[in-house]
Structure formats: C-alpha cells, structure tokens
Protein backbone atom coordinates (compact mmCIF):
# COMPACT_ATOMS: atom_id res chain seq x y z
CA MET A 1 0.00 0.00 0.00
CA LYS A 2 2.91 2.34 0.72
CA ILE A 3 4.23 1.73 -2.81
CA ALA A 4 0.88 2.67 -4.33
CA ALA A 5 0.73 5.87 -2.28
CA PHE A 6 4.31 6.77 -3.27
CA ILE A 7 3.60 6.18 -6.98
CA PHE A 8 0.36 8.18 -6.80
CA ILE A 9 2.12 11.13 -5.12
CA LEU A 10 5.01 10.93 -7.63
CA LEU A 11 2.70 10.84 -10.65
CA SER A 12 0.50 13.63 -9.26
CA SER A 13 3.45 15.93 -8.61
CA LEU A 14 4.96 15.23 -12.04
CA ALA A 15 1.65 15.87 -13.76
CA SER A 16 0.99 19.14 -11.92
CA ALA A 17 4.58 20.36 -12.36
CA GLY A 18 4.59 19.46 -16.03
CA VAL A 19 1.50 21.43 -17.07
CA ASN A 20 3.42 24.70 -17.18
CA LYS A 21 6.34 23.04 -18.95
CA VAL A 22 4.14 21.89 -21.83
CA THR A 23 3.03 25.48 -22.45
CA SER A 24 6.58 26.84 -22.32
CA ALA A 25 7.84 23.99 -24.51
CA ALA A 26 5.18 24.80 -27.11
CA ASP A 27 6.30 28.43 -27.16
CA SER A 28 10.02 27.71 -27.41
CA LEU A 29 9.76 24.75 -29.78
CA SER A 30 7.10 25.96 -32.20
CA SER A 31 8.61 23.93 -35.02
CA TYR A 32 8.25 20.75 -32.97
CA ASN A 33 4.91 21.42 -31.27
CA SER A 34 1.86 22.62 -33.15
CA SER A 35 -0.61 25.09 -31.64
CA SER A 36 -3.14 22.29 -31.02
CA GLY A 37 -0.56 20.00 -29.36
CA LEU A 38 2.21 17.71 -30.48
CA LYS A 39 2.58 16.71 -34.10
CA PRO A 40 1.43 13.16 -34.82
CA SER A 41 4.34 10.73 -34.69
CA TYR A 42 5.05 7.03 -34.44
CA SER A 43 7.61 5.01 -32.49
CA LEU A 44 8.88 1.47 -32.78
CA GLY A 45 11.23 -0.28 -30.40
CA VAL A 46 12.36 -3.26 -28.39
CA ILE A 47 11.97 -3.41 -24.60
CA LEU A 48 12.70 -5.71 -21.69
CA GLY A 49 10.05 -5.99 -19.01
CA ASP A 50 9.77 -7.68 -15.65
CA ASN A 51 6.49 -9.31 -16.68
CA VAL A 52 6.85 -12.83 -18.10
CA GLY A 53 10.55 -12.92 -17.40
CA LEU A 54 13.26 -10.71 -18.80
CA ARG A 55 12.39 -11.40 -22.42
CA PRO A 56 12.50 -8.91 -25.31
CA LYS A 57 9.22 -7.65 -26.74
CA PHE A 58 8.21 -5.11 -29.33
CA ILE A 59 6.63 -1.76 -28.57
CA VAL A 60 4.82 0.54 -30.97
CA SER A 61 3.24 3.90 -30.17
CA ASN A 62 1.31 6.66 -31.86
CA ILE A 63 1.25 10.24 -30.56
CA TYR A 64 -1.60 12.58 -31.42
CA ASN A 65 -2.00 15.94 -29.69
CA LYS A 66 -0.91 15.27 -26.11
CA TYR A 67 -1.97 11.63 -26.01
CA GLU A 68 0.01 8.52 -26.79
CA LEU A 69 -1.43 5.11 -27.52
CA GLN A 70 1.18 2.47 -26.82
CA GLY A 71 0.99 -1.26 -27.51
CA TYR A 72 3.60 -3.80 -26.54
CA GLY A 73 4.08 -7.52 -26.37
CA MET A 74 5.51 -10.70 -27.75
CA TYR A 75 4.13 -14.11 -28.57
CA TYR A 76 6.66 -16.85 -27.85
CA SER A 77 4.28 -19.84 -27.75
CA LYS A 78 0.76 -20.67 -26.60
CA TYR A 79 2.26 -21.17 -23.14
CA HIS A 80 4.33 -18.00 -23.07
CA PHE A 81 3.20 -14.53 -24.17
CA ASP A 82 2.77 -10.97 -22.93
CA PHE A 83 0.56 -8.22 -24.41
CA GLY A 84 -0.47 -4.79 -23.16
CA LEU A 85 -1.99 -1.48 -24.18
CA ASP A 86 -1.44 1.92 -22.52
CA LEU A 87 -3.02 5.34 -22.96
CA ASN A 88 -0.58 8.05 -21.83
CA TYR A 89 -0.93 11.80 -21.37
CA ILE A 90 2.25 13.62 -22.42
CA VAL A 91 3.23 16.02 -19.67
CA PHE A 92 6.35 17.36 -21.43
CA LYS A 93 8.06 16.61 -24.74
CA ASN A 94 10.83 18.19 -26.80
CA GLU A 95 13.46 16.83 -29.18
CA ASN A 96 15.40 15.05 -26.39
CA PHE A 97 13.02 14.30 -23.52
CA SER A 98 9.52 13.03 -23.00
CA HIS A 99 7.56 12.57 -19.75
CA SER A 100 4.12 10.99 -19.64
CA VAL A 101 1.67 9.45 -17.18
CA GLY A 102 -0.94 6.91 -18.12
CA ILE A 103 -3.22 3.99 -17.52
CA GLY A 104 -3.19 0.63 -19.21
CA GLY A 105 -3.86 -3.05 -19.02
CA GLY A 106 -2.76 -6.34 -20.39
CA MET A 107 -2.42 -10.06 -20.09
CA GLU A 108 0.49 -12.41 -19.72
CA LYS A 109 1.11 -16.11 -19.53
CA GLY A 110 4.30 -17.94 -18.74
CA LYS A 111 5.44 -21.41 -17.89
CA LYS A 112 8.84 -22.32 -16.55
CA ALA A 113 10.65 -24.40 -19.14
CA GLY A 114 13.56 -25.52 -16.95
CA GLU A 115 15.81 -24.68 -14.03
CA ASN A 116 17.90 -22.23 -16.08
CA ASP A 117 14.91 -20.32 -17.49
CA PHE A 118 15.73 -17.00 -15.81
CA GLY A 119 12.91 -14.73 -14.73
CA VAL A 120 9.91 -16.78 -15.87
CA PHE A 121 7.23 -17.37 -13.28
CA GLU A 122 5.89 -20.88 -12.78
CA ASN A 123 2.49 -21.30 -14.49
CA LEU A 124 1.71 -17.59 -14.55
CA SER A 125 -1.59 -16.59 -16.16
CA SER A 126 -2.71 -13.05 -15.36
CA THR A 127 -4.63 -10.01 -16.50
CA PHE A 128 -3.99 -6.58 -15.00
CA VAL A 129 -4.70 -2.85 -15.05
CA LYS A 130 -1.95 -0.38 -14.24
CA ILE A 131 -0.89 3.22 -13.78
CA ASN A 132 2.49 4.25 -15.10
CA TYR A 133 5.07 6.96 -15.60
CA SER A 134 7.12 6.87 -18.80
CA PHE A 135 10.37 8.68 -19.47
CA MET A 136 12.20 8.82 -22.77
CA TRP A 137 15.62 10.37 -23.34
CA LYS A 138 16.56 10.47 -27.01
CA PHE A 139 15.91 6.79 -27.82
CA VAL A 140 16.12 5.22 -24.32
CA PHE A 141 12.71 4.33 -22.87
CA LEU A 142 11.89 3.66 -19.18
CA GLN A 143 8.45 2.93 -17.77
CA LEU A 144 7.64 2.46 -14.07
CA GLY A 145 4.25 1.66 -12.62
CA ALA A 146 2.00 -0.37 -10.39
CA ALA A 147 -0.49 -3.03 -11.47
CA ILE A 148 -3.31 -5.05 -9.93
CA GLY A 149 -5.59 -7.71 -11.35
CA SER A 150 -5.95 -11.49 -11.42
CA GLY A 151 -3.45 -14.30 -11.01
CA ASP A 152 -0.01 -13.03 -10.05
CA TYR A 153 -1.48 -9.51 -9.80
CA SER A 154 -4.02 -10.31 -7.06
CA ALA A 155 -1.90 -8.01 -4.87
CA LEU A 156 -0.44 -4.69 -6.01
CA ARG A 157 2.75 -5.30 -7.98
CA PHE A 158 5.55 -3.05 -9.26
CA LYS A 159 6.06 -3.13 -13.05
CA SER A 160 8.93 -1.79 -15.12
CA GLN A 161 10.08 -1.79 -18.73
CA LEU A 162 13.35 -0.58 -20.22
CA GLY A 163 14.34 -0.43 -23.87
CA VAL A 164 15.03 1.56 -26.99
CA MET A 165 12.50 3.29 -29.24
CA TYR A 166 12.94 5.07 -32.55
CA ASN A 167 10.61 8.00 -33.37
CA PHE A 168 9.43 8.43 -36.96
C-alpha cells in the first residue's frame, strides 16, 4: 500500500509540475509542437520488461496531440506470451526528452521451461490494469508503474520496462 501511495504522489506531482512546462515547450519549440498540441508521430522499439521474465518484446506507439497510444508484447508460444496497451498523457516533450503518465492493461502467460529459465514465473496466467510513468531520453525508454488484477497480480505489484524506441 505504501508503494501505491508513493507512486500516486510521484505521478500527481509530475503531472501538476509538467503542465506549465508543456506550455513553455510549445512556445520555445514551435517547429516541434503545433498550436493544437504535439505533431502526430510514431515510435517502434524493443523493450525488456519484468512481466513474463526478462524477455524482449516489441513496442509501438502513436502520438496525437498530447496523447500517446502504446501497444507492446511478444508471442513466444501458446504457453508464453505478454501483451499490453497503454493510454498516456504527455506532460512534457521536446526533441530530447519526454515525460508521460498513463493507464493501461494487459495479459500475460508464462510457464517455466527448466531450471535455467531466468525470470519466468511458474504457471503464470494473469490479466492486469496499471498506472504508469514513462520517461524517454533520445531513444532510451523507461516505464515504471503499479499493477493489480488477477493471477499473479491479485496483490499490487511493481512493473517496469526498459528499452530503446525510434521515433518516426
């Protein structure tokens, strides 16, 4: 419960502090930001998450105005997959940095294949909803959040993803 309170306070303070930064960023970076928000753009990347083990997965996102729709996942087999979808509000963005907060959900399934199968949970089958904070510096992507749901997420759980994304 303390983790959830900490994350809520962190996200609230970042969101309230970032509102003024979006306005000043739009003024100083008029070629990057349009008057109605951010120019539409797309991203594609590869990330590692703590979900169904430390396995690579693909991430794709679409930015329109100040909202970002982000989908990620990987299908390894019918016994091992991870998919999710997030809707993020962009608090601040310029050519080098991006900060956003969002909500999302997903499902994951994993089965331990052997003793040396690092990071895969035994017979995991879960669905979840989450809140998250995403940070991007140039092409490095970091997402931190908390999730709750069914299966392994019956109690509040910390979630993280780290990877690289290329903006088009």
